[in-house]
């Protein structure tokens, strides 16, 4: 993951306007969030039925390592059998973390539990702003990188990918759990 600093520096040097580009792309989503805040909060409250069945999964995904294990486990990516893809996932997580923290600092959106006291998170939320969603952004970035690496592959037919829709499902599940 420390190697991510080198790649992030290269990205920033080659894309000096990356932050403005991201803010411009997210501005519409941020406006929509404000316009539909009551609906969004109601959706979060409506998901409370899922808390108990997903309890272990949510607790496991609370930390970055849990998210990585959740993605790499199902996709059969590990440091020994797919070292380059595994490194790509770790670098993606770290770069995603830095990008999302810069964006959170820009948008300064309060967390749902700060706006609606009826929302009681299963884990203590961090003190960082809520938009954009960090676990979601990182998860989607990691699965995008895995897709670009054309992983996972079927060992009997190495030129084909195994269940490409599984990557998106995993990222969506992590986003919902948060």
Foldseek 3Di string as FASTA:
>chain_A
DVCLVVVLVVVCVVCVCVLVVVCVVCVVVLVVCVVCVVVVLVVLVVCPVCCVVCVVLLVQLPDVVSLLCLQCVVQVDDCPPHVVLSVLLVSLLVSLQVSQQVVQVVSVAADSCVVPVVDDAPDDDDPTHCPPPSLLSSLVSSLVSCVVVLGDADPVGRVHYDPNVVSVVSSVVSVSSD
